[in-house]
């Protein structure tokens, strides 16, 4: 068992092992893959709420990865999984206050991309 001051951050449903005490490295341990941030982008800015909404994103996340990332984001307390239909069971994913705290970072990434990266799409 790790001591309380170990590089582990407790979250609502799970703990994350961190590689470093650096806050940027710790954030990357949580958000360091492209799908996680794109799901949060859709949830926070594009009103993505359902599995189908996230599947319809232009980046076309594979459904197995989408399921995994949604489960991770719910487990970390960034999204809340709320039932909206009983039969068949269907859920929507609502950003929590913790998830909404990502808005400034995503806005900064958008501004950087607009200023420094061209918008050309690979064929």
N, C-alpha and C. Protein backbone atom coordinates (compact mmCIF):
# COMPACT_ATOMS: atom_id res chain seq x y z
N UNK A 1 0.84 -1.18 0.00
CA UNK A 1 0.00 0.00 0.00
C UNK A 1 0.88 1.24 0.00
N UNK A 2 0.48 2.24 -0.80
CA UNK A 2 1.28 3.45 -0.92
C UNK A 2 0.95 4.42 0.20
N UNK A 3 1.93 5.19 0.65
CA UNK A 3 1.66 6.21 1.65
C UNK A 3 0.77 7.31 1.07
N UNK A 4 0.12 8.09 1.94
CA UNK A 4 -0.79 9.14 1.51
C UNK A 4 -0.13 10.17 0.60
N UNK A 5 1.16 10.38 0.74
CA UNK A 5 1.83 11.39 -0.07
C UNK A 5 2.40 10.83 -1.37
N UNK A 6 2.04 9.60 -1.74
CA UNK A 6 2.51 9.01 -3.00
C UNK A 6 1.90 9.76 -4.17
N UNK A 7 2.44 9.54 -5.37
CA UNK A 7 1.96 10.21 -6.57
C UNK A 7 0.67 9.57 -7.07
N UNK A 8 -0.36 9.56 -6.26
CA UNK A 8 -1.66 9.04 -6.63
C UNK A 8 -2.69 10.09 -6.26
N UNK A 9 -3.61 10.34 -7.16
CA UNK A 9 -4.67 11.28 -6.91
C UNK A 9 -5.96 10.51 -6.77
N UNK A 10 -6.66 10.69 -5.66
CA UNK A 10 -7.94 10.04 -5.48
C UNK A 10 -8.99 10.76 -6.30
N UNK A 11 -9.86 10.01 -6.91
CA UNK A 11 -10.96 10.54 -7.69
C UNK A 11 -12.23 9.87 -7.20
N UNK A 12 -13.39 10.32 -7.65
CA UNK A 12 -14.63 9.76 -7.15
C UNK A 12 -14.72 8.23 -7.23
N UNK A 13 -14.22 7.63 -8.28
CA UNK A 13 -14.42 6.19 -8.45
C UNK A 13 -13.14 5.39 -8.61
N UNK A 14 -12.02 6.03 -8.81
CA UNK A 14 -10.78 5.29 -9.02
C UNK A 14 -9.59 6.18 -8.73
N UNK A 15 -8.41 5.58 -8.66
CA UNK A 15 -7.18 6.32 -8.45
C UNK A 15 -6.33 6.21 -9.71
N UNK A 16 -5.52 7.21 -9.92
CA UNK A 16 -4.63 7.25 -11.07
C UNK A 16 -3.20 7.21 -10.57
N UNK A 17 -2.39 6.35 -11.13
CA UNK A 17 -0.96 6.33 -10.81
C UNK A 17 -0.28 7.40 -11.67
N UNK A 18 0.47 8.26 -11.03
CA UNK A 18 1.16 9.33 -11.75
C UNK A 18 2.64 9.00 -11.87
N UNK A 19 3.21 9.40 -13.00
CA UNK A 19 4.63 9.18 -13.27
C UNK A 19 5.50 10.22 -12.61
N UNK A 20 4.89 11.37 -12.28
CA UNK A 20 5.69 12.51 -11.85
C UNK A 20 4.84 13.41 -10.95
N UNK A 21 5.49 14.18 -10.08
CA UNK A 21 4.74 15.15 -9.29
C UNK A 21 4.38 16.42 -10.09
N UNK A 22 4.93 16.55 -11.29
CA UNK A 22 4.67 17.72 -12.13
C UNK A 22 3.18 17.79 -12.50
N UNK A 23 2.52 18.93 -12.29
CA UNK A 23 1.10 19.04 -12.59
C UNK A 23 0.77 18.81 -14.07
N UNK A 24 1.65 19.19 -14.97
CA UNK A 24 1.41 18.95 -16.40
C UNK A 24 1.48 17.46 -16.68
N UNK A 25 2.48 16.78 -16.15
CA UNK A 25 2.59 15.33 -16.34
C UNK A 25 1.39 14.61 -15.73
N UNK A 26 0.95 15.05 -14.56
CA UNK A 26 -0.22 14.42 -13.92
C UNK A 26 -1.47 14.62 -14.77
N UNK A 27 -1.64 15.81 -15.34
CA UNK A 27 -2.79 16.06 -16.22
C UNK A 27 -2.73 15.19 -17.46
N UNK A 28 -1.52 15.01 -18.00
CA UNK A 28 -1.38 14.15 -19.16
C UNK A 28 -1.67 12.69 -18.84
N UNK A 29 -1.38 12.26 -17.61
CA UNK A 29 -1.73 10.90 -17.21
C UNK A 29 -3.24 10.70 -17.32
N UNK A 30 -4.00 11.74 -17.07
CA UNK A 30 -5.45 11.67 -17.15
C UNK A 30 -5.95 11.90 -18.57
N UNK A 31 -5.45 12.93 -19.24
CA UNK A 31 -6.03 13.38 -20.51
C UNK A 31 -5.10 13.20 -21.70
N UNK A 32 -4.10 12.33 -21.59
CA UNK A 32 -3.03 12.29 -22.57
C UNK A 32 -3.30 11.57 -23.88
N UNK A 33 -4.53 11.21 -24.17
CA UNK A 33 -4.79 10.64 -25.50
C UNK A 33 -5.79 11.52 -26.22
N UNK A 34 -5.76 11.50 -27.52
CA UNK A 34 -6.59 12.44 -28.29
C UNK A 34 -8.07 12.20 -28.12
N UNK A 35 -8.48 10.97 -27.93
CA UNK A 35 -9.92 10.69 -27.85
C UNK A 35 -10.55 11.30 -26.60
N UNK A 36 -9.88 11.23 -25.49
CA UNK A 36 -10.43 11.75 -24.24
C UNK A 36 -10.74 13.24 -24.37
N UNK A 37 -9.81 14.00 -24.89
CA UNK A 37 -10.03 15.43 -25.03
C UNK A 37 -11.09 15.75 -26.07
N UNK A 38 -11.18 14.95 -27.14
CA UNK A 38 -12.21 15.19 -28.15
C UNK A 38 -13.60 14.88 -27.62
N UNK A 39 -13.71 13.85 -26.80
CA UNK A 39 -15.01 13.56 -26.16
C UNK A 39 -15.40 14.71 -25.25
N UNK A 40 -14.46 15.20 -24.46
CA UNK A 40 -14.76 16.33 -23.59
C UNK A 40 -15.09 17.58 -24.41
N UNK A 41 -14.40 17.81 -25.50
CA UNK A 41 -14.73 18.93 -26.40
C UNK A 41 -16.19 18.82 -26.84
N UNK A 42 -16.58 17.63 -27.30
CA UNK A 42 -17.94 17.45 -27.78
C UNK A 42 -18.95 17.65 -26.65
N UNK A 43 -18.65 17.14 -25.47
CA UNK A 43 -19.56 17.26 -24.33
C UNK A 43 -19.68 18.71 -23.85
N UNK A 44 -18.58 19.43 -23.88
CA UNK A 44 -18.57 20.79 -23.33
C UNK A 44 -18.99 21.86 -24.32
N UNK A 45 -18.64 21.69 -25.59
CA UNK A 45 -18.87 22.76 -26.55
C UNK A 45 -19.83 22.41 -27.67
N UNK A 46 -19.92 21.14 -28.04
CA UNK A 46 -20.74 20.75 -29.19
C UNK A 46 -22.02 20.04 -28.78
N UNK A 47 -22.31 20.05 -27.50
CA UNK A 47 -23.53 19.47 -26.94
C UNK A 47 -23.67 17.98 -27.20
N UNK A 48 -22.54 17.29 -27.31
CA UNK A 48 -22.57 15.83 -27.39
C UNK A 48 -23.07 15.29 -26.06
N UNK A 49 -24.04 14.41 -26.10
CA UNK A 49 -24.58 13.86 -24.86
C UNK A 49 -24.70 12.34 -24.90
N UNK A 50 -25.04 11.79 -26.05
CA UNK A 50 -25.29 10.35 -26.14
C UNK A 50 -24.15 9.65 -26.87
N UNK A 51 -24.12 8.33 -26.72
CA UNK A 51 -23.12 7.53 -27.43
C UNK A 51 -23.18 7.84 -28.93
N UNK A 52 -24.40 7.93 -29.47
CA UNK A 52 -24.57 8.24 -30.90
C UNK A 52 -24.01 9.61 -31.25
N UNK A 53 -24.21 10.59 -30.37
CA UNK A 53 -23.66 11.93 -30.61
C UNK A 53 -22.14 11.87 -30.74
N UNK A 54 -21.50 11.15 -29.81
CA UNK A 54 -20.04 11.07 -29.83
C UNK A 54 -19.56 10.29 -31.06
N UNK A 55 -20.31 9.25 -31.45
CA UNK A 55 -19.96 8.48 -32.65
C UNK A 55 -20.03 9.32 -33.91
N UNK A 56 -20.92 10.31 -33.91
CA UNK A 56 -21.13 11.15 -35.09
C UNK A 56 -20.05 12.22 -35.26
N UNK A 57 -19.14 12.33 -34.32
CA UNK A 57 -18.07 13.32 -34.40
C UNK A 57 -17.26 13.09 -35.67
N UNK A 58 -16.80 14.15 -36.28
CA UNK A 58 -16.08 14.04 -37.55
C UNK A 58 -14.78 13.24 -37.44
N UNK A 59 -14.24 13.09 -36.23
CA UNK A 59 -13.00 12.33 -36.06
C UNK A 59 -13.23 10.82 -36.06
N UNK A 60 -14.47 10.39 -36.00
CA UNK A 60 -14.87 8.97 -36.10
C UNK A 60 -14.13 8.07 -35.12
N UNK A 61 -14.35 8.28 -33.85
CA UNK A 61 -13.74 7.43 -32.83
C UNK A 61 -14.30 6.02 -32.93
N UNK A 62 -13.46 5.00 -32.93
CA UNK A 62 -13.95 3.62 -32.93
C UNK A 62 -14.82 3.37 -31.69
N UNK A 63 -15.91 2.62 -31.87
CA UNK A 63 -16.88 2.44 -30.79
C UNK A 63 -16.28 1.76 -29.56
N UNK A 64 -15.33 0.84 -29.75
CA UNK A 64 -14.72 0.20 -28.57
C UNK A 64 -13.91 1.21 -27.76
N UNK A 65 -13.22 2.13 -28.44
CA UNK A 65 -12.46 3.17 -27.73
C UNK A 65 -13.40 4.18 -27.09
N UNK A 66 -14.50 4.49 -27.77
CA UNK A 66 -15.47 5.42 -27.20
C UNK A 66 -16.05 4.85 -25.91
N UNK A 67 -16.44 3.59 -25.93
CA UNK A 67 -16.97 2.96 -24.71
C UNK A 67 -15.96 3.02 -23.58
N UNK A 68 -14.72 2.70 -23.89
CA UNK A 68 -13.66 2.71 -22.88
C UNK A 68 -13.45 4.11 -22.31
N UNK A 69 -13.37 5.12 -23.18
CA UNK A 69 -13.10 6.48 -22.71
C UNK A 69 -14.28 7.05 -21.93
N UNK A 70 -15.51 6.76 -22.35
CA UNK A 70 -16.67 7.22 -21.59
C UNK A 70 -16.67 6.62 -20.20
N UNK A 71 -16.38 5.34 -20.10
CA UNK A 71 -16.30 4.66 -18.79
C UNK A 71 -15.23 5.33 -17.93
N UNK A 72 -14.08 5.63 -18.54
CA UNK A 72 -12.98 6.29 -17.82
C UNK A 72 -13.39 7.67 -17.34
N UNK A 73 -14.02 8.45 -18.21
CA UNK A 73 -14.41 9.82 -17.85
C UNK A 73 -15.48 9.84 -16.77
N UNK A 74 -16.38 8.88 -16.80
CA UNK A 74 -17.38 8.76 -15.73
C UNK A 74 -16.68 8.36 -14.43
N UNK A 75 -15.79 7.38 -14.50
CA UNK A 75 -15.06 6.91 -13.32
C UNK A 75 -14.22 7.98 -12.67
N UNK A 76 -13.72 8.91 -13.47
CA UNK A 76 -12.89 9.99 -12.94
C UNK A 76 -13.70 11.21 -12.51
N UNK A 77 -15.01 11.12 -12.69
CA UNK A 77 -15.86 12.22 -12.25
C UNK A 77 -15.89 13.41 -13.18
N UNK A 78 -15.51 13.24 -14.44
CA UNK A 78 -15.56 14.33 -15.41
C UNK A 78 -16.89 14.37 -16.16
N UNK A 79 -17.51 13.20 -16.31
CA UNK A 79 -18.84 13.09 -16.90
C UNK A 79 -19.71 12.30 -15.95
N UNK A 80 -21.00 12.57 -15.99
CA UNK A 80 -21.97 11.80 -15.23
C UNK A 80 -22.84 11.03 -16.21
N UNK A 81 -23.02 9.74 -15.98
CA UNK A 81 -23.83 8.88 -16.83
C UNK A 81 -25.25 8.86 -16.28
N UNK A 82 -26.19 9.40 -17.06
CA UNK A 82 -27.57 9.57 -16.60
C UNK A 82 -28.51 8.83 -17.55
N UNK A 83 -29.37 7.95 -17.02
CA UNK A 83 -30.32 7.25 -17.90
C UNK A 83 -31.37 8.22 -18.44
N UNK A 84 -31.72 8.08 -19.72
CA UNK A 84 -32.79 8.89 -20.28
C UNK A 84 -33.87 8.03 -20.93
N UNK A 85 -33.61 6.72 -21.02
CA UNK A 85 -34.59 5.80 -21.59
C UNK A 85 -34.41 4.46 -20.89
N UNK A 86 -35.55 3.84 -20.53
CA UNK A 86 -35.46 2.59 -19.78
C UNK A 86 -35.36 1.36 -20.68
N UNK A 87 -36.15 1.30 -21.75
CA UNK A 87 -36.16 0.13 -22.63
C UNK A 87 -36.04 0.57 -24.08
N UNK A 88 -35.01 0.20 -24.75
CA UNK A 88 -33.78 -0.35 -24.18
C UNK A 88 -33.06 0.72 -23.37
N UNK A 89 -32.21 0.29 -22.45
CA UNK A 89 -31.52 1.28 -21.61
C UNK A 89 -30.62 2.18 -22.45
N UNK A 90 -30.80 3.46 -22.27
CA UNK A 90 -29.98 4.45 -22.96
C UNK A 90 -29.56 5.51 -21.95
N UNK A 91 -28.35 6.04 -22.20
CA UNK A 91 -27.77 6.99 -21.25
C UNK A 91 -27.27 8.22 -21.99
N UNK A 92 -27.21 9.31 -21.24
CA UNK A 92 -26.52 10.50 -21.74
C UNK A 92 -25.40 10.81 -20.77
N UNK A 93 -24.40 11.52 -21.26
CA UNK A 93 -23.21 11.84 -20.50
C UNK A 93 -23.15 13.35 -20.32
N UNK A 94 -23.25 13.77 -19.08
CA UNK A 94 -23.33 15.19 -18.74
C UNK A 94 -22.03 15.62 -18.06
N UNK A 95 -21.41 16.70 -18.52
CA UNK A 95 -20.20 17.18 -17.84
C UNK A 95 -20.49 17.58 -16.39
N UNK A 96 -19.63 17.16 -15.49
CA UNK A 96 -19.71 17.55 -14.09
C UNK A 96 -18.97 18.88 -13.90
N UNK A 97 -19.02 19.42 -12.70
CA UNK A 97 -18.26 20.64 -12.43
C UNK A 97 -16.77 20.39 -12.67
N UNK A 98 -16.31 19.22 -12.28
CA UNK A 98 -14.91 18.86 -12.50
C UNK A 98 -14.60 18.83 -14.00
N UNK A 99 -15.50 18.26 -14.79
CA UNK A 99 -15.32 18.23 -16.24
C UNK A 99 -15.35 19.61 -16.86
N UNK A 100 -16.23 20.47 -16.34
CA UNK A 100 -16.33 21.84 -16.86
C UNK A 100 -15.06 22.64 -16.61
N UNK A 101 -14.28 22.22 -15.63
CA UNK A 101 -13.01 22.89 -15.34
C UNK A 101 -12.01 22.74 -16.49
N UNK A 102 -12.28 21.84 -17.43
CA UNK A 102 -11.41 21.66 -18.60
C UNK A 102 -11.65 22.70 -19.69
N UNK A 103 -12.73 23.46 -19.59
CA UNK A 103 -13.05 24.43 -20.64
C UNK A 103 -11.91 25.40 -20.96
N UNK A 104 -11.29 26.04 -19.97
CA UNK A 104 -10.21 26.98 -20.31
C UNK A 104 -9.05 26.31 -21.05
N UNK A 105 -8.70 25.09 -20.65
CA UNK A 105 -7.62 24.38 -21.32
C UNK A 105 -7.99 24.09 -22.78
N UNK A 106 -9.21 23.63 -23.00
CA UNK A 106 -9.63 23.33 -24.37
C UNK A 106 -9.72 24.60 -25.21
N UNK A 107 -10.15 25.69 -24.60
CA UNK A 107 -10.18 26.98 -25.33
C UNK A 107 -8.76 27.41 -25.70
N UNK A 108 -7.81 27.22 -24.79
CA UNK A 108 -6.41 27.57 -25.08
C UNK A 108 -5.86 26.71 -26.20
N UNK A 109 -6.19 25.42 -26.20
CA UNK A 109 -5.73 24.54 -27.28
C UNK A 109 -6.34 24.97 -28.61
N UNK A 110 -7.61 25.37 -28.60
CA UNK A 110 -8.27 25.86 -29.82
C UNK A 110 -7.56 27.11 -30.33
N UNK A 111 -7.29 28.05 -29.44
CA UNK A 111 -6.63 29.29 -29.84
C UNK A 111 -5.24 29.01 -30.40
N UNK A 112 -4.49 28.11 -29.77
CA UNK A 112 -3.17 27.75 -30.27
C UNK A 112 -3.28 27.16 -31.67
N UNK A 113 -4.22 26.23 -31.85
CA UNK A 113 -4.40 25.59 -33.16
C UNK A 113 -4.78 26.59 -34.24
N UNK A 114 -5.67 27.53 -33.89
CA UNK A 114 -6.07 28.55 -34.86
C UNK A 114 -4.91 29.47 -35.22
N UNK A 115 -4.07 29.79 -34.24
CA UNK A 115 -2.98 30.73 -34.48
C UNK A 115 -1.76 30.08 -35.12
N UNK A 116 -1.46 28.83 -34.77
CA UNK A 116 -0.17 28.26 -35.17
C UNK A 116 -0.25 27.03 -36.08
N UNK A 117 -1.42 26.46 -36.27
CA UNK A 117 -1.53 25.25 -37.08
C UNK A 117 -2.54 25.50 -38.19
N UNK A 118 -2.17 25.13 -39.42
CA UNK A 118 -3.13 25.33 -40.49
C UNK A 118 -4.27 24.32 -40.38
N UNK A 119 -5.36 24.61 -41.05
CA UNK A 119 -6.54 23.76 -40.94
C UNK A 119 -6.69 22.77 -42.06
N UNK A 120 -5.60 22.47 -42.75
CA UNK A 120 -5.69 21.52 -43.86
C UNK A 120 -5.92 20.10 -43.35
N UNK A 121 -6.83 19.40 -43.98
CA UNK A 121 -7.16 18.02 -43.60
C UNK A 121 -6.46 17.08 -44.57
N UNK A 122 -5.86 16.03 -44.01
CA UNK A 122 -5.21 15.03 -44.86
C UNK A 122 -6.26 14.31 -45.70
N UNK A 123 -5.91 14.00 -46.95
CA UNK A 123 -6.87 13.30 -47.82
C UNK A 123 -7.14 11.89 -47.31
